Amino acid sequence: MDPFPDQFMEFHPIHGTNVRLDQSGTQATRVESFANGVCFSKYPLKPGEIFLIEIEDKELGWCGHLRIGLTANDPMSLEVVPEYSIPDLMDLGDSWVFAITRNHNKITEEPEVQEGGLRLGRGEAEEEHINTAPKTFFTDTHLHIENIRIPRDKLVGRSRPGRFSHILDDLYKTNVLPPTARRSRIGVLYVPKGKDVADMHIVINGEDMGASAKGISTIQPLYAVLDVFAATKCVRIVQVEYGYVV
C-alpha cells in the first residue's frame, strides 16, 4: 500500500465573520467574541482522507471547546455562514458535527436517530478508562480504521521546547493529554460502508473515537467543518498522507 499523493489541505476562504486565516490558508484564528468561528475545508474530502488540525492557542474565560464534523453544504452555496455549527449549521440539514469535550469523546453503541444518519451516543465511562490507550497504540506505527491506514506519528501532537516539555511529552506518549489542550490533534474522516453511504469518525491524538455518525449519504461531496469555538482560539491544519490496506 502506498500513501495517496493528495492535494494540499487548506481552509475555505468562506468562513465565520470572526475568523482570520493566515496567508497559507492553514491557520484559523477567532479574533473576537466566542462565536462566528465556523470554518470549512477548501475542498471536499475523499473517502478515508483525514482533515487534521492542531490546537495552537486557547482563550480563558469561555465555556466550551472545538467542534468538528462533516457537511454536505457547499460553503459557496451558503447565503451566510451560521454563527454556530451546533445547532445552526446542523439545522440546515446534511451536517454532522461533534462537540469535543475534555473527557467524554468515545462513542458507545446506544443508537439515537437523527436526520440524515444515525448518531451514536457518547461514552460516559470513567475518565480513567477513556484516557487509557489500547495496547497497540504504542506498537503500531499506523492507525487502522476499517481498511484505511494513517501514519500515527502525524496524528499525535508533540509539545514545543519549553520548561515543561519533558512532562508534556510523557503525557502525549501515554495519550492522556486532554483533547482540548494546546498541541492536541483532532481529525475527522469518513469511511465508506456500502454504496453511497459512510460513517464519520473522529480521531483524537492518534486514537479513533468510533463512528460518531452512521449512514451518511456520500452522493453529495462532503466538506470538513470546524468551529473554532469558545475556549479554542487558534488552530492549524496538519498535512497527512493516508492509504488503503489492499
C-alpha atoms as a PDB file:
ATOM      1  CA  MET A   1       0.000   0.000   0.000  1.00  0.00           C
ATOM      2  CA  ASP A   2       1.345   3.407  -0.966  1.00  0.00           C
ATOM      3  CA  PRO A   3       0.172   6.715   0.578  1.00  0.00           C
ATOM      4  CA  PHE A   4      -2.170   8.757  -1.548  1.00  0.00           C
ATOM      5  CA  PRO A   5      -0.482  11.882  -3.023  1.00  0.00           C
ATOM      6  CA  ASP A   6      -3.262  14.246  -2.033  1.00  0.00           C
ATOM      7  CA  GLN A   7      -3.981  17.920  -2.506  1.00  0.00           C
ATOM      8  CA  PHE A   8      -2.589  20.414  -0.011  1.00  0.00           C
ATOM      9  CA  MET A   9      -5.204  20.817   2.723  1.00  0.00           C
ATOM     10  CA  GLU A  10      -6.433  24.382   3.353  1.00  0.00           C
ATOM     11  CA  PHE A  11      -9.352  26.219   4.911  1.00  0.00           C
ATOM     12  CA  HIS A  12     -12.078  27.507   2.619  1.00  0.00           C
ATOM     13  CA  PRO A  13     -11.978  31.285   2.028  1.00  0.00           C
ATOM     14  CA  ILE A  14     -15.615  31.400   3.161  1.00  0.00           C
ATOM     15  CA  HIS A  15     -15.838  31.244   6.951  1.00  0.00           C
ATOM     16  CA  GLY A  16     -17.363  32.848  10.042  1.00  0.00           C
ATOM     17  CA  THR A  17     -17.104  36.611  10.465  1.00  0.00           C
ATOM     18  CA  ASN A  18     -14.764  36.335  13.479  1.00  0.00           C
ATOM     19  CA  VAL A  19     -12.259  34.058  11.714  1.00  0.00           C
ATOM     20  CA  ARG A  20      -8.966  35.255  10.264  1.00  0.00           C
ATOM     21  CA  LEU A  21      -6.867  32.946   8.090  1.00  0.00           C
ATOM     22  CA  ASP A  22      -3.110  33.264   7.662  1.00  0.00           C
ATOM     23  CA  GLN A  23      -1.531  33.668   4.218  1.00  0.00           C
ATOM     24  CA  SER A  24      -1.091  29.932   3.763  1.00  0.00           C
ATOM     25  CA  GLY A  25      -4.764  29.280   4.454  1.00  0.00           C
ATOM     26  CA  THR A  26      -3.831  26.625   7.018  1.00  0.00           C
ATOM     27  CA  GLN A  27      -4.204  28.567  10.272  1.00  0.00           C
ATOM     28  CA  ALA A  28      -7.549  29.863  11.544  1.00  0.00           C
ATOM     29  CA  THR A  29      -7.835  32.281  14.459  1.00  0.00           C
ATOM     30  CA  ARG A  30     -11.017  33.594  16.068  1.00  0.00           C
ATOM     31  CA  VAL A  31     -10.157  37.239  16.614  1.00  0.00           C
ATOM     32  CA  GLU A  32     -13.031  38.272  18.890  1.00  0.00           C
ATOM     33  CA  SER A  33     -16.057  37.038  20.843  1.00  0.00           C
ATOM     34  CA  PHE A  34     -16.637  33.281  21.265  1.00  0.00           C
ATOM     35  CA  ALA A  35     -18.825  32.578  18.218  1.00  0.00           C
ATOM     36  CA  ASN A  36     -18.823  33.051  14.414  1.00  0.00           C
ATOM     37  CA  GLY A  37     -15.806  30.766  14.201  1.00  0.00           C
ATOM     38  CA  VAL A  38     -17.134  28.231  11.684  1.00  0.00           C
ATOM     39  CA  CYS A  39     -14.623  27.123   9.018  1.00  0.00           C
ATOM     40  CA  PHE A  40     -14.670  24.568   6.207  1.00  0.00           C
ATOM     41  CA  SER A  41     -12.132  22.574   4.235  1.00  0.00           C
ATOM     42  CA  LYS A  42     -11.332  24.236   0.925  1.00  0.00           C
ATOM     43  CA  TYR A  43     -12.139  21.064  -0.992  1.00  0.00           C
ATOM     44  CA  PRO A  44     -14.466  18.132  -0.316  1.00  0.00           C
ATOM     45  CA  LEU A  45     -12.794  15.219   1.446  1.00  0.00           C
ATOM     46  CA  LYS A  46     -12.090  11.972  -0.360  1.00  0.00           C
ATOM     47  CA  PRO A  47     -13.085   8.672   1.290  1.00  0.00           C
ATOM     48  CA  GLY A  48     -10.567   7.925   4.024  1.00  0.00           C
ATOM     49  CA  GLU A  49      -8.923  11.340   3.793  1.00  0.00           C
ATOM     50  CA  ILE A  50      -8.475  12.896   7.233  1.00  0.00           C
ATOM     51  CA  PHE A  51      -8.866  16.609   7.945  1.00  0.00           C
ATOM     52  CA  LEU A  52      -6.499  17.042  10.890  1.00  0.00           C
ATOM     53  CA  ILE A  53      -5.913  20.152  12.988  1.00  0.00           C
ATOM     54  CA  GLU A  54      -3.706  21.009  15.936  1.00  0.00           C
ATOM     55  CA  ILE A  55      -4.896  23.381  18.654  1.00  0.00           C
ATOM     56  CA  GLU A  56      -2.459  26.309  18.575  1.00  0.00           C
ATOM     57  CA  ASP A  57      -3.943  28.650  21.160  1.00  0.00           C
ATOM     58  CA  LYS A  58      -6.732  28.854  23.703  1.00  0.00           C
ATOM     59  CA  GLU A  59      -8.615  31.689  25.376  1.00  0.00           C
ATOM     60  CA  LEU A  60      -9.595  31.672  29.024  1.00  0.00           C
ATOM     61  CA  GLY A  61     -12.998  32.756  30.221  1.00  0.00           C
ATOM     62  CA  TRP A  62     -15.219  30.864  27.766  1.00  0.00           C
ATOM     63  CA  CYS A  63     -17.204  27.666  28.302  1.00  0.00           C
ATOM     64  CA  GLY A  64     -17.000  25.096  25.508  1.00  0.00           C
ATOM     65  CA  HIS A  65     -14.399  23.896  23.040  1.00  0.00           C
ATOM     66  CA  LEU A  66     -13.711  22.925  19.446  1.00  0.00           C
ATOM     67  CA  ARG A  67     -16.421  21.346  17.288  1.00  0.00           C
ATOM     68  CA  ILE A  68     -15.657  19.243  14.239  1.00  0.00           C
ATOM     69  CA  GLY A  69     -17.542  17.209  11.647  1.00  0.00           C
ATOM     70  CA  LEU A  70     -18.750  16.984   8.068  1.00  0.00           C
ATOM     71  CA  THR A  71     -21.259  18.853   5.937  1.00  0.00           C
ATOM     72  CA  ALA A  72     -22.742  18.296   2.511  1.00  0.00           C
ATOM     73  CA  ASN A  73     -23.478  22.035   2.292  1.00  0.00           C
ATOM     74  CA  ASP A  74     -21.097  23.637  -0.194  1.00  0.00           C
ATOM     75  CA  PRO A  75     -19.720  26.752   1.566  1.00  0.00           C
ATOM     76  CA  MET A  76     -20.166  28.669  -1.707  1.00  0.00           C
ATOM     77  CA  SER A  77     -23.911  27.992  -1.579  1.00  0.00           C
ATOM     78  CA  LEU A  78     -24.438  29.457   1.900  1.00  0.00           C
ATOM     79  CA  GLU A  79     -26.156  32.842   2.000  1.00  0.00           C
ATOM     80  CA  VAL A  80     -24.434  33.434   5.314  1.00  0.00           C
ATOM     81  CA  VAL A  81     -22.092  31.291   7.402  1.00  0.00           C
ATOM     82  CA  PRO A  82     -24.009  30.168  10.512  1.00  0.00           C
ATOM     83  CA  GLU A  83     -22.988  31.697  13.819  1.00  0.00           C
ATOM     84  CA  TYR A  84     -22.611  28.256  15.381  1.00  0.00           C
ATOM     85  CA  SER A  85     -22.001  24.790  13.950  1.00  0.00           C
ATOM     86  CA  ILE A  86     -24.250  23.396  16.707  1.00  0.00           C
ATOM     87  CA  PRO A  87     -27.158  23.884  16.290  1.00  0.00           C
ATOM     88  CA  ASP A  88     -27.248  26.447  13.445  1.00  0.00           C
ATOM     89  CA  LEU A  89     -25.335  24.579  10.736  1.00  0.00           C
ATOM     90  CA  MET A  90     -26.866  21.250  11.718  1.00  0.00           C
ATOM     91  CA  ASP A  91     -30.332  22.804  11.497  1.00  0.00           C
ATOM     92  CA  LEU A  92     -29.677  23.418   7.789  1.00  0.00           C
ATOM     93  CA  GLY A  93     -29.536  19.653   7.326  1.00  0.00           C
ATOM     94  CA  ASP A  94     -26.894  17.350   5.842  1.00  0.00           C
ATOM     95  CA  SER A  95     -24.361  18.272   8.542  1.00  0.00           C
ATOM     96  CA  TRP A  96     -22.892  16.103  11.285  1.00  0.00           C
ATOM     97  CA  VAL A  97     -20.910  17.965  13.942  1.00  0.00           C
ATOM     98  CA  PHE A  98     -19.343  16.650  17.151  1.00  0.00           C
ATOM     99  CA  ALA A  99     -18.531  18.819  20.176  1.00  0.00           C
ATOM    100  CA  ILE A 100     -15.111  17.926  21.592  1.00  0.00           C
ATOM    101  CA  THR A 101     -15.031  17.744  25.383  1.00  0.00           C
ATOM    102  CA  ARG A 102     -12.208  17.310  27.851  1.00  0.00           C
ATOM    103  CA  ASN A 103     -13.100  13.695  28.634  1.00  0.00           C
ATOM    104  CA  HIS A 104     -16.133  12.033  27.066  1.00  0.00           C
ATOM    105  CA  ASN A 105     -15.474  11.691  23.330  1.00  0.00           C
ATOM    106  CA  LYS A 106     -15.643   7.918  22.923  1.00  0.00           C
ATOM    107  CA  ILE A 107     -18.703   6.550  21.166  1.00  0.00           C
ATOM    108  CA  THR A 108     -20.980   3.880  22.600  1.00  0.00           C
ATOM    109  CA  GLU A 109     -23.328   1.701  20.600  1.00  0.00           C
ATOM    110  CA  GLU A 110     -26.503   3.158  22.043  1.00  0.00           C
ATOM    111  CA  PRO A 111     -28.309   4.434  18.944  1.00  0.00           C
ATOM    112  CA  GLU A 112     -30.268   7.640  18.790  1.00  0.00           C
ATOM    113  CA  VAL A 113     -31.777   8.594  15.478  1.00  0.00           C
ATOM    114  CA  GLN A 114     -31.006  11.905  13.830  1.00  0.00           C
ATOM    115  CA  GLU A 115     -31.956  13.172  10.415  1.00  0.00           C
ATOM    116  CA  GLY A 116     -29.665  12.091   7.606  1.00  0.00           C
ATOM    117  CA  GLY A 117     -27.819   9.439   9.595  1.00  0.00           C
ATOM    118  CA  LEU A 118     -27.589   7.525  12.824  1.00  0.00           C
ATOM    119  CA  ARG A 119     -25.908   9.496  15.577  1.00  0.00           C
ATOM    120  CA  LEU A 120     -24.379   7.403  18.330  1.00  0.00           C
ATOM    121  CA  GLY A 121     -24.192   8.395  21.962  1.00  0.00           C
ATOM    122  CA  ARG A 122     -21.009   9.461  23.702  1.00  0.00           C
ATOM    123  CA  GLY A 123     -19.327   7.068  26.062  1.00  0.00           C
ATOM    124  CA  GLU A 124     -19.843   8.006  29.690  1.00  0.00           C
ATOM    125  CA  ALA A 125     -17.208   5.682  31.091  1.00  0.00           C
ATOM    126  CA  GLU A 126     -14.892   6.771  33.833  1.00  0.00           C
ATOM    127  CA  GLU A 127     -12.124   9.188  32.854  1.00  0.00           C
ATOM    128  CA  GLU A 128      -9.517   6.585  33.806  1.00  0.00           C
ATOM    129  CA  HIS A 129     -10.890   4.215  31.142  1.00  0.00           C
ATOM    130  CA  ILE A 130     -11.290   6.876  28.463  1.00  0.00           C
ATOM    131  CA  ASN A 131      -7.716   8.068  28.753  1.00  0.00           C
ATOM    132  CA  THR A 132      -6.229   4.570  28.533  1.00  0.00           C
ATOM    133  CA  ALA A 133      -4.777   3.923  25.095  1.00  0.00           C
ATOM    134  CA  PRO A 134      -5.210   0.468  23.535  1.00  0.00           C
ATOM    135  CA  LYS A 135      -2.189  -1.841  23.773  1.00  0.00           C
ATOM    136  CA  THR A 136      -1.457  -1.468  20.069  1.00  0.00           C
ATOM    137  CA  PHE A 137      -1.192   2.321  20.439  1.00  0.00           C
ATOM    138  CA  PHE A 138       2.461   2.050  21.441  1.00  0.00           C
ATOM    139  CA  THR A 139       3.488  -0.640  18.935  1.00  0.00           C
ATOM    140  CA  ASP A 140       1.541   0.090  15.750  1.00  0.00           C
ATOM    141  CA  THR A 141       3.036   2.814  13.570  1.00  0.00           C
ATOM    142  CA  HIS A 142      -0.288   3.367  11.810  1.00  0.00           C
ATOM    143  CA  LEU A 143      -3.877   3.906  12.872  1.00  0.00           C
ATOM    144  CA  HIS A 144      -6.252   1.469  11.156  1.00  0.00           C
ATOM    145  CA  ILE A 145      -9.920   2.357  10.683  1.00  0.00           C
ATOM    146  CA  GLU A 146     -11.577  -0.364   8.619  1.00  0.00           C
ATOM    147  CA  ASN A 147      -9.181  -0.674   5.657  1.00  0.00           C
ATOM    148  CA  ILE A 148      -7.827   2.879   5.960  1.00  0.00           C
ATOM    149  CA  ARG A 149      -4.263   3.276   7.200  1.00  0.00           C
ATOM    150  CA  ILE A 150      -2.910   6.596   8.552  1.00  0.00           C
ATOM    151  CA  PRO A 151       0.607   7.270   9.956  1.00  0.00           C
ATOM    152  CA  ARG A 152       0.208   7.637  13.717  1.00  0.00           C
ATOM    153  CA  ASP A 153       3.166   9.998  14.174  1.00  0.00           C
ATOM    154  CA  LYS A 154       1.259  12.756  12.371  1.00  0.00           C
ATOM    155  CA  LEU A 155      -1.883  12.151  14.402  1.00  0.00           C
ATOM    156  CA  VAL A 156      -0.315  12.673  17.835  1.00  0.00           C
ATOM    157  CA  GLY A 157       0.737  16.157  18.897  1.00  0.00           C
ATOM    158  CA  ARG A 158       4.069  16.986  20.475  1.00  0.00           C
ATOM    159  CA  SER A 159       4.908  19.740  22.927  1.00  0.00           C
ATOM    160  CA  ARG A 160       7.176  22.545  21.793  1.00  0.00           C
ATOM    161  CA  PRO A 161      10.519  23.062  23.579  1.00  0.00           C
ATOM    162  CA  GLY A 162       9.971  24.755  26.887  1.00  0.00           C
ATOM    163  CA  ARG A 163      10.279  24.475  30.627  1.00  0.00           C
ATOM    164  CA  PHE A 164       7.810  21.578  30.968  1.00  0.00           C
ATOM    165  CA  SER A 165       8.284  19.894  27.576  1.00  0.00           C
ATOM    166  CA  HIS A 166       9.561  16.634  29.057  1.00  0.00           C
ATOM    167  CA  ILE A 167       6.393  16.351  31.166  1.00  0.00           C
ATOM    168  CA  LEU A 168       4.082  17.061  28.247  1.00  0.00           C
ATOM    169  CA  ASP A 169       5.879  14.572  26.001  1.00  0.00           C
ATOM    170  CA  ASP A 170       5.269  11.826  28.565  1.00  0.00           C
ATOM    171  CA  LEU A 171       1.589  12.749  28.581  1.00  0.00           C
ATOM    172  CA  TYR A 172       1.413  12.595  24.790  1.00  0.00           C
ATOM    173  CA  LYS A 173       3.153   9.215  24.754  1.00  0.00           C
ATOM    174  CA  THR A 174       0.524   7.748  27.072  1.00  0.00           C
ATOM    175  CA  ASN A 175      -2.275   9.534  25.214  1.00  0.00           C
ATOM    176  CA  VAL A 176      -3.711  11.148  28.345  1.00  0.00           C
ATOM    177  CA  LEU A 177      -3.338  14.789  27.352  1.00  0.00           C
ATOM    178  CA  PRO A 178      -6.867  16.247  27.316  1.00  0.00           C
ATOM    179  CA  PRO A 179      -8.304  16.593  23.800  1.00  0.00           C
ATOM    180  CA  THR A 180      -8.934  20.289  24.429  1.00  0.00           C
ATOM    181  CA  ALA A 181      -5.325  21.079  25.389  1.00  0.00           C
ATOM    182  CA  ARG A 182      -2.829  23.032  23.302  1.00  0.00           C
ATOM    183  CA  ARG A 183      -0.964  20.788  20.843  1.00  0.00           C
ATOM    184  CA  SER A 184      -3.735  18.190  20.815  1.00  0.00           C
ATOM    185  CA  ARG A 185      -4.512  16.974  17.299  1.00  0.00           C
ATOM    186  CA  ILE A 186      -8.088  16.279  16.258  1.00  0.00           C
ATOM    187  CA  GLY A 187      -9.258  14.977  12.910  1.00  0.00           C
ATOM    188  CA  VAL A 188     -12.366  13.906  11.023  1.00  0.00           C
ATOM    189  CA  LEU A 189     -12.799  11.496   8.131  1.00  0.00           C
ATOM    190  CA  TYR A 190     -15.485   9.306   6.604  1.00  0.00           C
ATOM    191  CA  VAL A 191     -15.268   5.581   5.960  1.00  0.00           C
ATOM    192  CA  PRO A 192     -17.290   4.019   3.099  1.00  0.00           C
ATOM    193  CA  LYS A 193     -19.741   1.384   4.390  1.00  0.00           C
ATOM    194  CA  GLY A 194     -21.548   0.449   1.203  1.00  0.00           C
ATOM    195  CA  LYS A 195     -22.978   2.052  -1.895  1.00  0.00           C
ATOM    196  CA  ASP A 196     -23.233   5.817  -1.355  1.00  0.00           C
ATOM    197  CA  VAL A 197     -23.116   5.646   2.467  1.00  0.00           C
ATOM    198  CA  ALA A 198     -20.358   6.145   5.033  1.00  0.00           C
ATOM    199  CA  ASP A 199     -19.623   6.529   8.736  1.00  0.00           C
ATOM    200  CA  MET A 200     -17.944   9.610  10.197  1.00  0.00           C
ATOM    201  CA  HIS A 201     -15.015   9.023  12.554  1.00  0.00           C
ATOM    202  CA  ILE A 202     -13.305  11.451  14.919  1.00  0.00           C
ATOM    203  CA  VAL A 203      -9.621  10.847  15.730  1.00  0.00           C
ATOM    204  CA  ILE A 204      -8.039  12.440  18.821  1.00  0.00           C
ATOM    205  CA  ASN A 205      -4.284  12.240  19.402  1.00  0.00           C
ATOM    206  CA  GLY A 206      -3.949   9.098  17.318  1.00  0.00           C
ATOM    207  CA  GLU A 207      -6.936   7.252  18.760  1.00  0.00           C
ATOM    208  CA  ASP A 208     -10.151   6.528  16.874  1.00  0.00           C
ATOM    209  CA  MET A 209     -13.147   7.663  18.925  1.00  0.00           C
ATOM    210  CA  GLY A 210     -15.511   5.459  16.911  1.00  0.00           C
ATOM    211  CA  ALA A 211     -18.252   6.253  14.413  1.00  0.00           C
ATOM    212  CA  SER A 212     -19.927   9.441  15.657  1.00  0.00           C
ATOM    213  CA  ALA A 213     -22.435   9.418  12.783  1.00  0.00           C
ATOM    214  CA  LYS A 214     -23.553   6.451  10.690  1.00  0.00           C
ATOM    215  CA  GLY A 215     -25.267   6.055   7.344  1.00  0.00           C
ATOM    216  CA  ILE A 216     -24.179   9.425   5.941  1.00  0.00           C
ATOM    217  CA  SER A 217     -25.007   9.851   2.271  1.00  0.00           C
ATOM    218  CA  THR A 218     -21.941  10.303   0.071  1.00  0.00           C
ATOM    219  CA  ILE A 219     -23.866  11.173  -3.086  1.00  0.00           C
ATOM    220  CA  GLN A 220     -23.029  14.838  -2.461  1.00  0.00           C
ATOM    221  CA  PRO A 221     -19.432  15.983  -1.741  1.00  0.00           C
ATOM    222  CA  LEU A 222     -18.612  16.150   1.966  1.00  0.00           C
ATOM    223  CA  TYR A 223     -16.614  19.070   3.370  1.00  0.00           C
ATOM    224  CA  ALA A 224     -14.908  19.073   6.748  1.00  0.00           C
ATOM    225  CA  VAL A 225     -16.387  21.644   9.101  1.00  0.00           C
ATOM    226  CA  LEU A 226     -14.563  23.102  12.093  1.00  0.00           C
ATOM    227  CA  ASP A 227     -15.917  25.508  14.694  1.00  0.00           C
ATOM    228  CA  VAL A 228     -13.167  27.491  16.452  1.00  0.00           C
ATOM    229  CA  PHE A 229     -15.480  27.931  19.387  1.00  0.00           C
ATOM    230  CA  ALA A 230     -15.231  29.450  22.873  1.00  0.00           C
ATOM    231  CA  ALA A 231     -12.048  28.304  24.672  1.00  0.00           C
ATOM    232  CA  THR A 232     -10.421  27.208  21.397  1.00  0.00           C
ATOM    233  CA  LYS A 233      -8.765  30.304  19.929  1.00  0.00           C
ATOM    234  CA  CYS A 234      -6.495  29.210  17.078  1.00  0.00           C
ATOM    235  CA  VAL A 235      -5.934  26.010  15.090  1.00  0.00           C
ATOM    236  CA  ARG A 236      -3.726  24.960  12.203  1.00  0.00           C
ATOM    237  CA  ILE A 237      -4.064  22.186   9.641  1.00  0.00           C
ATOM    238  CA  VAL A 238      -1.626  19.264   9.743  1.00  0.00           C
ATOM    239  CA  GLN A 239      -0.947  17.652   6.366  1.00  0.00           C
ATOM    240  CA  VAL A 240      -1.387  13.873   6.466  1.00  0.00           C
ATOM    241  CA  GLU A 241      -0.912  11.109   3.932  1.00  0.00           C
ATOM    242  CA  TYR A 242      -3.258   8.169   4.007  1.00  0.00           C
ATOM    243  CA  GLY A 243      -3.886   4.968   2.122  1.00  0.00           C
ATOM    244  CA  TYR A 244      -5.882   1.755   1.943  1.00  0.00           C
ATOM    245  CA  VAL A 245      -4.877  -1.725   3.004  1.00  0.00           C
ATOM    246  CA  VAL A 246      -5.381  -3.928  -0.043  1.00  0.00           C
END
